[in-house]
PDB file of N, CA and C in Angstrom:
ATOM      1  N   MET A   1      55.308  92.623  43.795  1.00  0.00           N
ATOM      2  CA  MET A   1      55.871  91.621  44.665  1.00  0.00           C
ATOM      3  C   MET A   1      55.049  90.350  44.526  1.00  0.00           C
ATOM      4  N   LYS A   2      55.716  89.249  44.535  1.00  0.00           N
ATOM      5  CA  LYS A   2      55.032  87.978  44.373  1.00  0.00           C
ATOM      6  C   LYS A   2      54.283  87.597  45.646  1.00  0.00           C
ATOM      7  N   LEU A   3      53.260  86.809  45.449  1.00  0.00           N
ATOM      8  CA  LEU A   3      52.474  86.328  46.577  1.00  0.00           C
ATOM      9  C   LEU A   3      53.310  85.445  47.497  1.00  0.00           C
ATOM     10  N   SER A   4      54.226  84.677  46.948  1.00  0.00           N
ATOM     11  CA  SER A   4      55.051  83.801  47.776  1.00  0.00           C
ATOM     12  C   SER A   4      55.967  84.621  48.691  1.00  0.00           C
ATOM     13  N   HIS A   5      56.428  85.789  48.212  1.00  0.00           N
ATOM     14  CA  HIS A   5      57.266  86.651  49.057  1.00  0.00           C
ATOM     15  C   HIS A   5      56.452  87.190  50.233  1.00  0.00           C
ATOM     16  N   LEU A   6      55.213  87.568  49.966  1.00  0.00           N
ATOM     17  CA  LEU A   6      54.354  88.076  51.028  1.00  0.00           C
ATOM     18  C   LEU A   6      54.055  87.002  52.061  1.00  0.00           C
ATOM     19  N   LEU A   7      53.782  85.797  51.597  1.00  0.00           N
ATOM     20  CA  LEU A   7      53.502  84.698  52.524  1.00  0.00           C
ATOM     21  C   LEU A   7      54.734  84.348  53.340  1.00  0.00           C
ATOM     22  N   THR A   8      55.914  84.371  52.733  1.00  0.00           N
ATOM     23  CA  THR A   8      57.156  84.089  53.456  1.00  0.00           C
ATOM     24  C   THR A   8      57.401  85.149  54.526  1.00  0.00           C
ATOM     25  N   ALA A   9      57.170  86.417  54.186  1.00  0.00           N
ATOM     26  CA  ALA A   9      57.358  87.497  55.158  1.00  0.00           C
ATOM     27  C   ALA A   9      56.365  87.369  56.307  1.00  0.00           C
ATOM     28  N   ALA A  10      55.133  87.005  56.005  1.00  0.00           N
ATOM     29  CA  ALA A  10      54.125  86.834  57.050  1.00  0.00           C
ATOM     30  C   ALA A  10      54.488  85.671  57.973  1.00  0.00           C
ATOM     31  N   ALA A  11      54.992  84.575  57.401  1.00  0.00           N
ATOM     32  CA  ALA A  11      55.383  83.419  58.203  1.00  0.00           C
ATOM     33  C   ALA A  11      56.569  83.763  59.101  1.00  0.00           C
ATOM     34  N   ALA A  12      57.535  84.488  58.571  1.00  0.00           N
ATOM     35  CA  ALA A  12      58.699  84.876  59.370  1.00  0.00           C
ATOM     36  C   ALA A  12      58.284  85.792  60.514  1.00  0.00           C
ATOM     37  N   THR A  13      57.373  86.716  60.240  1.00  0.00           N
ATOM     38  CA  THR A  13      56.887  87.621  61.281  1.00  0.00           C
ATOM     39  C   THR A  13      56.163  86.842  62.375  1.00  0.00           C
ATOM     40  N   ALA A  14      55.364  85.870  61.991  1.00  0.00           N
ATOM     41  CA  ALA A  14      54.632  85.061  62.964  1.00  0.00           C
ATOM     42  C   ALA A  14      55.603  84.259  63.840  1.00  0.00           C
ATOM     43  N   LEU A  15      56.661  83.726  63.241  1.00  0.00           N
ATOM     44  CA  LEU A  15      57.641  82.965  64.020  1.00  0.00           C
ATOM     45  C   LEU A  15      58.382  83.863  65.006  1.00  0.00           C
ATOM     46  N   LEU A  16      58.775  85.058  64.566  1.00  0.00           N
ATOM     47  CA  LEU A  16      59.476  85.981  65.457  1.00  0.00           C
ATOM     48  C   LEU A  16      58.572  86.449  66.587  1.00  0.00           C
ATOM     49  N   THR A  17      57.309  86.682  66.292  1.00  0.00           N
ATOM     50  CA  THR A  17      56.364  87.114  67.322  1.00  0.00           C
ATOM     51  C   THR A  17      56.160  86.011  68.355  1.00  0.00           C
ATOM     52  N   GLY A  18      56.071  84.771  67.899  1.00  0.00           N
ATOM     53  CA  GLY A  18      55.915  83.649  68.818  1.00  0.00           C
ATOM     54  C   GLY A  18      57.129  83.478  69.709  1.00  0.00           C
ATOM     55  N   ALA A  19      58.328  83.660  69.150  1.00  0.00           N
ATOM     56  CA  ALA A  19      59.547  83.538  69.947  1.00  0.00           C
ATOM     57  C   ALA A  19      59.626  84.652  70.984  1.00  0.00           C
ATOM     58  N   ALA A  20      59.213  85.839  70.613  1.00  0.00           N
ATOM     59  CA  ALA A  20      59.246  86.952  71.561  1.00  0.00           C
ATOM     60  C   ALA A  20      58.232  86.747  72.681  1.00  0.00           C
ATOM     61  N   ALA A  21      57.085  86.188  72.371  1.00  0.00           N
ATOM     62  CA  ALA A  21      56.050  85.970  73.382  1.00  0.00           C
ATOM     63  C   ALA A  21      56.427  84.830  74.327  1.00  0.00           C
ATOM     64  N   ALA A  22      57.278  83.897  73.880  1.00  0.00           N
ATOM     65  CA  ALA A  22      57.641  82.740  74.698  1.00  0.00           C
ATOM     66  C   ALA A  22      58.755  83.047  75.693  1.00  0.00           C
ATOM     67  N   GLN A  23      59.361  84.221  75.620  1.00  0.00           N
ATOM     68  CA  GLN A  23      60.458  84.556  76.520  1.00  0.00           C
ATOM     69  C   GLN A  23      59.952  84.720  77.947  1.00  0.00           C
ATOM     70  N   GLN A  24      60.846  84.451  78.882  1.00  0.00           N
ATOM     71  CA  GLN A  24      60.530  84.619  80.293  1.00  0.00           C
ATOM     72  C   GLN A  24      60.478  86.108  80.615  1.00  0.00           C
ATOM     73  N   PRO A  25      59.584  86.512  81.498  1.00  0.00           N
ATOM     74  CA  PRO A  25      59.568  87.929  81.886  1.00  0.00           C
ATOM     75  C   PRO A  25      60.842  88.284  82.627  1.00  0.00           C
ATOM     76  N   SER A  26      61.272  89.511  82.486  1.00  0.00           N
ATOM     77  CA  SER A  26      62.503  89.946  83.137  1.00  0.00           C
ATOM     78  C   SER A  26      62.294  90.048  84.644  1.00  0.00           C
ATOM     79  N   GLN A  27      63.375  89.938  85.370  1.00  0.00           N
ATOM     80  CA  GLN A  27      63.325  90.035  86.819  1.00  0.00           C
ATOM     81  C   GLN A  27      63.007  91.469  87.217  1.00  0.00           C
ATOM     82  N   PRO A  28      62.252  91.687  88.278  1.00  0.00           N
ATOM     83  CA  PRO A  28      61.970  93.050  88.715  1.00  0.00           C
ATOM     84  C   PRO A  28      63.243  93.733  89.171  1.00  0.00           C
ATOM     85  N   ALA A  29      63.303  95.032  88.943  1.00  0.00           N
ATOM     86  CA  ALA A  29      64.475  95.812  89.331  1.00  0.00           C
ATOM     87  C   ALA A  29      64.560  95.888  90.847  1.00  0.00           C
ATOM     88  N   PRO A  30      65.786  95.962  91.381  1.00  0.00           N
ATOM     89  CA  PRO A  30      65.903  96.097  92.827  1.00  0.00           C
ATOM     90  C   PRO A  30      65.302  97.415  93.281  1.00  0.00           C
ATOM     91  N   SER A  31      64.923  97.465  94.545  1.00  0.00           N
ATOM     92  CA  SER A  31      64.278  98.670  95.053  1.00  0.00           C
ATOM     93  C   SER A  31      65.229  99.850  94.936  1.00  0.00           C
ATOM     94  N   THR A  32      64.661 101.020  94.634  1.00  0.00           N
ATOM     95  CA  THR A  32      65.474 102.221  94.472  1.00  0.00           C
ATOM     96  C   THR A  32      65.370 103.071  95.716  1.00  0.00           C
ATOM     97  N   THR A  33      66.440 103.742  96.013  1.00  0.00           N
ATOM     98  CA  THR A  33      66.449 104.664  97.139  1.00  0.00           C
ATOM     99  C   THR A  33      66.799 106.037  96.615  1.00  0.00           C
ATOM    100  N   PRO A  34      66.145 107.085  97.098  1.00  0.00           N
ATOM    101  CA  PRO A  34      66.463 108.425  96.628  1.00  0.00           C
ATOM    102  C   PRO A  34      67.904 108.789  96.967  1.00  0.00           C
ATOM    103  N   SER A  35      68.505 109.530  96.078  1.00  0.00           N
ATOM    104  CA  SER A  35      69.892 109.936  96.263  1.00  0.00           C
ATOM    105  C   SER A  35      69.996 110.987  97.358  1.00  0.00           C
ATOM    106  N   THR A  36      71.099 110.941  98.084  1.00  0.00           N
ATOM    107  CA  THR A  36      71.323 111.969  99.093  1.00  0.00           C
ATOM    108  C   THR A  36      72.013 113.172  98.499  1.00  0.00           C
ATOM    109  N   ASP A  37      72.470 113.088  97.238  1.00  0.00           N
ATOM    110  CA  ASP A  37      73.124 114.205  96.572  1.00  0.00           C
ATOM    111  C   ASP A  37      72.055 115.113  95.982  1.00  0.00           C
ATOM    112  N   THR A  38      71.863 116.292  96.563  1.00  0.00           N
ATOM    113  CA  THR A  38      70.827 117.215  96.099  1.00  0.00           C
ATOM    114  C   THR A  38      71.391 118.349  95.270  1.00  0.00           C
ATOM    115  N   SER A  39      72.653 118.282  94.878  1.00  0.00           N
ATOM    116  CA  SER A  39      73.240 119.378  94.105  1.00  0.00           C
ATOM    117  C   SER A  39      72.603 119.498  92.735  1.00  0.00           C
ATOM    118  N   ALA A  40      72.149 118.395  92.135  1.00  0.00           N
ATOM    119  CA  ALA A  40      71.541 118.462  90.808  1.00  0.00           C
ATOM    120  C   ALA A  40      70.171 119.129  90.857  1.00  0.00           C
ATOM    121  N   THR A  41      69.408 118.904  91.915  1.00  0.00           N
ATOM    122  CA  THR A  41      68.077 119.481  91.982  1.00  0.00           C
ATOM    123  C   THR A  41      68.078 120.861  92.603  1.00  0.00           C
ATOM    124  N   ALA A  42      69.084 121.207  93.380  1.00  0.00           N
ATOM    125  CA  ALA A  42      69.118 122.502  94.038  1.00  0.00           C
ATOM    126  C   ALA A  42      69.551 123.618  93.092  1.00  0.00           C
ATOM    127  N   ALA A  43      70.172 123.279  91.968  1.00  0.00           N
ATOM    128  CA  ALA A  43      70.691 124.288  91.058  1.00  0.00           C
ATOM    129  C   ALA A  43      69.586 124.918  90.214  1.00  0.00           C
ATOM    130  N   ALA A  44      68.430 124.292  90.096  1.00  0.00           N
ATOM    131  CA  ALA A  44      67.357 124.799  89.243  1.00  0.00           C
ATOM    132  C   ALA A  44      66.628 125.944  89.931  1.00  0.00           C
ATOM    133  N   PRO A  45      66.450 127.083  89.238  1.00  0.00           N
ATOM    134  CA  PRO A  45      65.685 128.174  89.836  1.00  0.00           C
ATOM    135  C   PRO A  45      64.202 127.831  89.896  1.00  0.00           C
ATOM    136  N   ALA A  46      63.443 128.624  90.624  1.00  0.00           N
ATOM    137  CA  ALA A  46      62.034 128.326  90.858  1.00  0.00           C
ATOM    138  C   ALA A  46      61.118 128.880  89.779  1.00  0.00           C
ATOM    139  N   ALA A  47      61.631 129.340  88.648  1.00  0.00           N
ATOM    140  CA  ALA A  47      60.794 129.884  87.582  1.00  0.00           C
ATOM    141  C   ALA A  47      60.052 128.761  86.871  1.00  0.00           C
ATOM    142  N   SER A  48      58.922 129.093  86.254  1.00  0.00           N
ATOM    143  CA  SER A  48      58.105 128.065  85.609  1.00  0.00           C
ATOM    144  C   SER A  48      58.730 127.548  84.323  1.00  0.00           C
ATOM    145  N   SER A  49      59.619 128.307  83.688  1.00  0.00           N
ATOM    146  CA  SER A  49      60.238 127.857  82.443  1.00  0.00           C
ATOM    147  C   SER A  49      61.615 127.263  82.685  1.00  0.00           C
ATOM    148  N   ALA A  50      61.973 126.967  83.938  1.00  0.00           N
ATOM    149  CA  ALA A  50      63.294 126.436  84.263  1.00  0.00           C
ATOM    150  C   ALA A  50      63.337 124.940  83.988  1.00  0.00           C
ATOM    151  N   ALA A  51      64.548 124.428  83.827  1.00  0.00           N
ATOM    152  CA  ALA A  51      64.740 122.997  83.665  1.00  0.00           C
ATOM    153  C   ALA A  51      64.535 122.319  85.010  1.00  0.00           C
ATOM    154  N   VAL A  52      63.937 121.142  84.989  1.00  0.00           N
ATOM    155  CA  VAL A  52      63.671 120.393  86.207  1.00  0.00           C
ATOM    156  C   VAL A  52      64.486 119.106  86.145  1.00  0.00           C
ATOM    157  N   SER A  53      65.249 118.829  87.204  1.00  0.00           N
ATOM    158  CA  SER A  53      66.077 117.631  87.253  1.00  0.00           C
ATOM    159  C   SER A  53      65.655 116.762  88.425  1.00  0.00           C
ATOM    160  N   SER A  54      65.767 115.464  88.241  1.00  0.00           N
ATOM    161  CA  SER A  54      65.571 114.531  89.345  1.00  0.00           C
ATOM    162  C   SER A  54      66.645 113.469  89.234  1.00  0.00           C
ATOM    163  N   SER A  55      67.110 112.989  90.368  1.00  0.00           N
ATOM    164  CA  SER A  55      68.194 112.022  90.395  1.00  0.00           C
ATOM    165  C   SER A  55      67.824 110.889  91.333  1.00  0.00           C
ATOM    166  N   VAL A  56      68.084 109.645  90.909  1.00  0.00           N
ATOM    167  CA  VAL A  56      67.810 108.461  91.716  1.00  0.00           C
ATOM    168  C   VAL A  56      69.039 107.565  91.657  1.00  0.00           C
ATOM    169  N   THR A  57      69.482 107.087  92.807  1.00  0.00           N
ATOM    170  CA  THR A  57      70.612 106.166  92.873  1.00  0.00           C
ATOM    171  C   THR A  57      70.090 104.789  93.241  1.00  0.00           C
ATOM    172  N   THR A  58      70.489 103.789  92.463  1.00  0.00           N
ATOM    173  CA  THR A  58      70.076 102.409  92.679  1.00  0.00           C
ATOM    174  C   THR A  58      71.313 101.576  92.966  1.00  0.00           C
ATOM    175  N   SER A  59      71.226 100.663  93.917  1.00  0.00           N
ATOM    176  CA  SER A  59      72.360  99.786  94.200  1.00  0.00           C
ATOM    177  C   SER A  59      71.881  98.350  94.313  1.00  0.00           C
ATOM    178  N   ASP A  60      72.782  97.447  93.946  1.00  0.00           N
ATOM    179  CA  ASP A  60      72.508  96.015  94.030  1.00  0.00           C
ATOM    180  C   ASP A  60      73.430  95.435  95.097  1.00  0.00           C
ATOM    181  N   PRO A  61      72.887  95.024  96.248  1.00  0.00           N
ATOM    182  CA  PRO A  61      73.758  94.547  97.326  1.00  0.00           C
ATOM    183  C   PRO A  61      74.514  93.268  96.985  1.00  0.00           C
ATOM    184  N   SER A  62      73.996  92.447  96.077  1.00  0.00           N
ATOM    185  CA  SER A  62      74.682  91.185  95.768  1.00  0.00           C
ATOM    186  C   SER A  62      75.947  91.412  94.948  1.00  0.00           C
ATOM    187  N   THR A  63      75.976  92.442  94.099  1.00  0.00           N
ATOM    188  CA  THR A  63      77.165  92.700  93.285  1.00  0.00           C
ATOM    189  C   THR A  63      77.910  93.947  93.724  1.00  0.00           C
ATOM    190  N   GLY A  64      77.267  94.806  94.487  1.00  0.00           N
ATOM    191  CA  GLY A  64      77.902  96.036  94.923  1.00  0.00           C
ATOM    192  C   GLY A  64      77.871  97.137  93.870  1.00  0.00           C
ATOM    193  N   ALA A  65      77.190  96.894  92.771  1.00  0.00           N
ATOM    194  CA  ALA A  65      77.123  97.880  91.693  1.00  0.00           C
ATOM    195  C   ALA A  65      76.096  98.952  92.023  1.00  0.00           C
ATOM    196  N   THR A  66      76.397 100.197  91.656  1.00  0.00           N
ATOM    197  CA  THR A  66      75.454 101.298  91.839  1.00  0.00           C
ATOM    198  C   THR A  66      75.299 102.032  90.525  1.00  0.00           C
ATOM    199  N   ALA A  67      74.140 102.621  90.326  1.00  0.00           N
ATOM    200  CA  ALA A  67      73.860 103.400  89.115  1.00  0.00           C
ATOM    201  C   ALA A  67      73.059 104.621  89.517  1.00  0.00           C
ATOM    202  N   THR A  68      73.424 105.763  88.981  1.00  0.00           N
ATOM    203  CA  THR A  68      72.696 106.998  89.219  1.00  0.00           C
ATOM    204  C   THR A  68      72.055 107.434  87.912  1.00  0.00           C
ATOM    205  N   VAL A  69      70.748 107.612  87.929  1.00  0.00           N
ATOM    206  CA  VAL A  69      70.004 108.020  86.750  1.00  0.00           C
ATOM    207  C   VAL A  69      69.484 109.427  86.987  1.00  0.00           C
ATOM    208  N   THR A  70      69.783 110.348  86.065  1.00  0.00           N
ATOM    209  CA  THR A  70      69.336 111.727  86.172  1.00  0.00           C
ATOM    210  C   THR A  70      68.453 112.048  84.974  1.00  0.00           C
ATOM    211  N   THR A  71      67.268 112.600  85.230  1.00  0.00           N
ATOM    212  CA  THR A  71      66.351 113.001  84.189  1.00  0.00           C
ATOM    213  C   THR A  71      66.181 114.513  84.236  1.00  0.00           C
ATOM    214  N   THR A  72      66.339 115.166  83.096  1.00  0.00           N
ATOM    215  CA  THR A  72      66.186 116.615  83.013  1.00  0.00           C
ATOM    216  C   THR A  72      65.130 116.934  81.963  1.00  0.00           C
ATOM    217  N   THR A  73      64.165 117.759  82.346  1.00  0.00           N
ATOM    218  CA  THR A  73      63.139 118.179  81.392  1.00  0.00           C
ATOM    219  C   THR A  73      63.118 119.693  81.326  1.00  0.00           C
ATOM    220  N   ASN A  74      62.718 120.209  80.202  1.00  0.00           N
ATOM    221  CA  ASN A  74      62.613 121.653  80.019  1.00  0.00           C
ATOM    222  C   ASN A  74      61.153 122.063  80.117  1.00  0.00           C
ATOM    223  N   GLY A  75      60.912 123.201  80.717  1.00  0.00           N
ATOM    224  CA  GLY A  75      59.556 123.724  80.824  1.00  0.00           C
ATOM    225  C   GLY A  75      59.150 124.416  79.532  1.00  0.00           C
ATOM    226  N   PRO A  76      57.926 124.856  79.445  1.00  0.00           N
ATOM    227  CA  PRO A  76      57.456 125.526  78.233  1.00  0.00           C
ATOM    228  C   PRO A  76      58.068 126.922  78.110  1.00  0.00           C
ATOM    229  N   VAL A  77      58.222 127.382  76.885  1.00  0.00           N
ATOM    230  CA  VAL A  77      58.693 128.741  76.621  1.00  0.00           C
ATOM    231  C   VAL A  77      57.460 129.626  76.503  1.00  0.00           C
ATOM    232  N   PRO A  78      57.351 130.686  77.309  1.00  0.00           N
ATOM    233  CA  PRO A  78      56.169 131.550  77.238  1.00  0.00           C
ATOM    234  C   PRO A  78      56.052 132.196  75.855  1.00  0.00           C
ATOM    235  N   ASP A  79      54.829 132.276  75.350  1.00  0.00           N
ATOM    236  CA  ASP A  79      54.559 132.866  74.036  1.00  0.00           C
ATOM    237  C   ASP A  79      54.347 134.368  74.206  1.00  0.00           C
ATOM    238  N   THR A  80      55.449 135.095  74.307  1.00  0.00           N
ATOM    239  CA  THR A  80      55.392 136.546  74.482  1.00  0.00           C
ATOM    240  C   THR A  80      55.986 137.216  73.249  1.00  0.00           C
ATOM    241  N   PRO A  81      55.696 138.497  73.004  1.00  0.00           N
ATOM    242  CA  PRO A  81      56.289 139.179  71.851  1.00  0.00           C
ATOM    243  C   PRO A  81      57.823 139.173  71.895  1.00  0.00           C
ATOM    244  N   GLU A  82      58.422 139.276  73.090  1.00  0.00           N
ATOM    245  CA  GLU A  82      59.883 139.259  73.201  1.00  0.00           C
ATOM    246  C   GLU A  82      60.450 137.903  72.763  1.00  0.00           C
ATOM    247  N   ASN A  83      59.799 136.802  73.198  1.00  0.00           N
ATOM    248  CA  ASN A  83      60.275 135.477  72.815  1.00  0.00           C
ATOM    249  C   ASN A  83      60.059 135.204  71.338  1.00  0.00           C
ATOM    250  N   ARG A  84      58.989 135.739  70.751  1.00  0.00           N
ATOM    251  CA  ARG A  84      58.796 135.569  69.309  1.00  0.00           C
ATOM    252  C   ARG A  84      59.883 136.292  68.537  1.00  0.00           C
ATOM    253  N   ARG A  85      60.307 137.470  69.011  1.00  0.00           N
ATOM    254  CA  ARG A  85      61.400 138.169  68.334  1.00  0.00           C
ATOM    255  C   ARG A  85      62.714 137.416  68.525  1.00  0.00           C
ATOM    256  N   LYS A  86      62.927 136.885  69.720  1.00  0.00           N
ATOM    257  CA  LYS A  86      64.190 136.226  70.047  1.00  0.00           C
ATOM    258  C   LYS A  86      64.318 134.850  69.386  1.00  0.00           C
ATOM    259  N   TYR A  87      63.260 134.036  69.456  1.00  0.00           N
ATOM    260  CA  TYR A  87      63.323 132.651  68.977  1.00  0.00           C
ATOM    261  C   TYR A  87      62.551 132.401  67.690  1.00  0.00           C
ATOM    262  N   GLY A  88      61.838 133.377  67.186  1.00  0.00           N
ATOM    263  CA  GLY A  88      60.988 133.154  66.021  1.00  0.00           C
ATOM    264  C   GLY A  88      59.589 132.777  66.468  1.00  0.00           C
ATOM    265  N   GLY A  89      58.669 132.852  65.563  1.00  0.00           N
ATOM    266  CA  GLY A  89      57.278 132.554  65.888  1.00  0.00           C
ATOM    267  C   GLY A  89      56.998 131.074  65.887  1.00  0.00           C
ATOM    268  N   PRO A  90      55.765 130.706  66.165  1.00  0.00           N
ATOM    269  CA  PRO A  90      55.358 129.294  66.143  1.00  0.00           C
ATOM    270  C   PRO A  90      55.490 128.719  64.742  1.00  0.00           C
ATOM    271  N   MET A  91      55.720 127.418  64.661  1.00  0.00           N
ATOM    272  CA  MET A  91      55.852 126.771  63.362  1.00  0.00           C
ATOM    273  C   MET A  91      54.531 126.196  62.870  1.00  0.00           C
ATOM    274  N   SER A  92      53.553 126.027  63.744  1.00  0.00           N
ATOM    275  CA  SER A  92      52.288 125.457  63.308  1.00  0.00           C
ATOM    276  C   SER A  92      51.448 126.518  62.604  1.00  0.00           C
ATOM    277  N   HIS A  93      50.563 126.073  61.736  1.00  0.00           N
ATOM    278  CA  HIS A  93      49.696 126.988  60.994  1.00  0.00           C
ATOM    279  C   HIS A  93      48.790 127.762  61.951  1.00  0.00           C
ATOM    280  N   ALA A  94      48.227 127.078  62.942  1.00  0.00           N
ATOM    281  CA  ALA A  94      47.335 127.737  63.892  1.00  0.00           C
ATOM    282  C   ALA A  94      48.111 128.706  64.782  1.00  0.00           C
ATOM    283  N   GLY A  95      49.345 128.347  65.169  1.00  0.00           N
ATOM    284  CA  GLY A  95      50.135 129.219  66.008  1.00  0.00           C
ATOM    285  C   GLY A  95      50.531 130.504  65.309  1.00  0.00           C
ATOM    286  N   LYS A  96      50.751 130.426  64.012  1.00  0.00           N
ATOM    287  CA  LYS A  96      51.110 131.621  63.246  1.00  0.00           C
ATOM    288  C   LYS A  96      49.954 132.602  63.159  1.00  0.00           C
ATOM    289  N   ARG A  97      48.733 132.109  63.309  1.00  0.00           N
ATOM    290  CA  ARG A  97      47.548 132.955  63.173  1.00  0.00           C
ATOM    291  C   ARG A  97      47.064 133.517  64.499  1.00  0.00           C
ATOM    292  N   THR A  98      47.775 133.233  65.599  1.00  0.00           N
ATOM    293  CA  THR A  98      47.354 133.746  66.906  1.00  0.00           C
ATOM    294  C   THR A  98      48.337 134.802  67.382  1.00  0.00           C
ATOM    295  N   ALA A  99      47.856 135.679  68.236  1.00  0.00           N
ATOM    296  CA  ALA A  99      48.687 136.731  68.804  1.00  0.00           C
ATOM    297  C   ALA A  99      49.446 136.176  70.008  1.00  0.00           C
ATOM    298  N   PRO A 100      50.665 136.682  70.275  1.00  0.00           N
ATOM    299  CA  PRO A 100      51.367 136.219  71.492  1.00  0.00           C
ATOM    300  C   PRO A 100      50.658 136.709  72.733  1.00  0.00           C
ATOM    301  N   ARG A 101      50.560 135.838  73.761  1.00  0.00           N
ATOM    302  CA  ARG A 101      49.855 136.247  74.964  1.00  0.00           C
ATOM    303  C   ARG A 101      50.474 135.746  76.249  1.00  0.00           C
ATOM    304  N   GLY A 102      51.623 135.082  76.208  1.00  0.00           N
ATOM    305  CA  GLY A 102      52.267 134.621  77.441  1.00  0.00           C
ATOM    306  C   GLY A 102      51.605 133.382  78.003  1.00  0.00           C
ATOM    307  N   ASN A 103      51.871 133.116  79.273  1.00  0.00           N
ATOM    308  CA  ASN A 103      51.290 131.926  79.909  1.00  0.00           C
ATOM    309  C   ASN A 103      50.106 132.323  80.716  1.00  0.00           C
TER     310      ASN A 103
END
């Protein structure tokens, strides 16, 4: 690659970085209130490997718009002999060299 191409790319990157830094900061989000709908969180069992859900409803009084955001995460899968037979063993080199022992 020619030196002029490298210098042109560096100059373009510097200009884009300067334009991004000159932008106004975004307005803070309106305050959030917890949702009164608990059906999403009540469905999860109390086991340690269960999926965990949380739901938040946000509304903007000036426009009347509302948005509900739901986040779901999965817990760890216990490293037991039954789970290794069912799902296969660990994929890492170190995990393959260890015995299953659960949580």
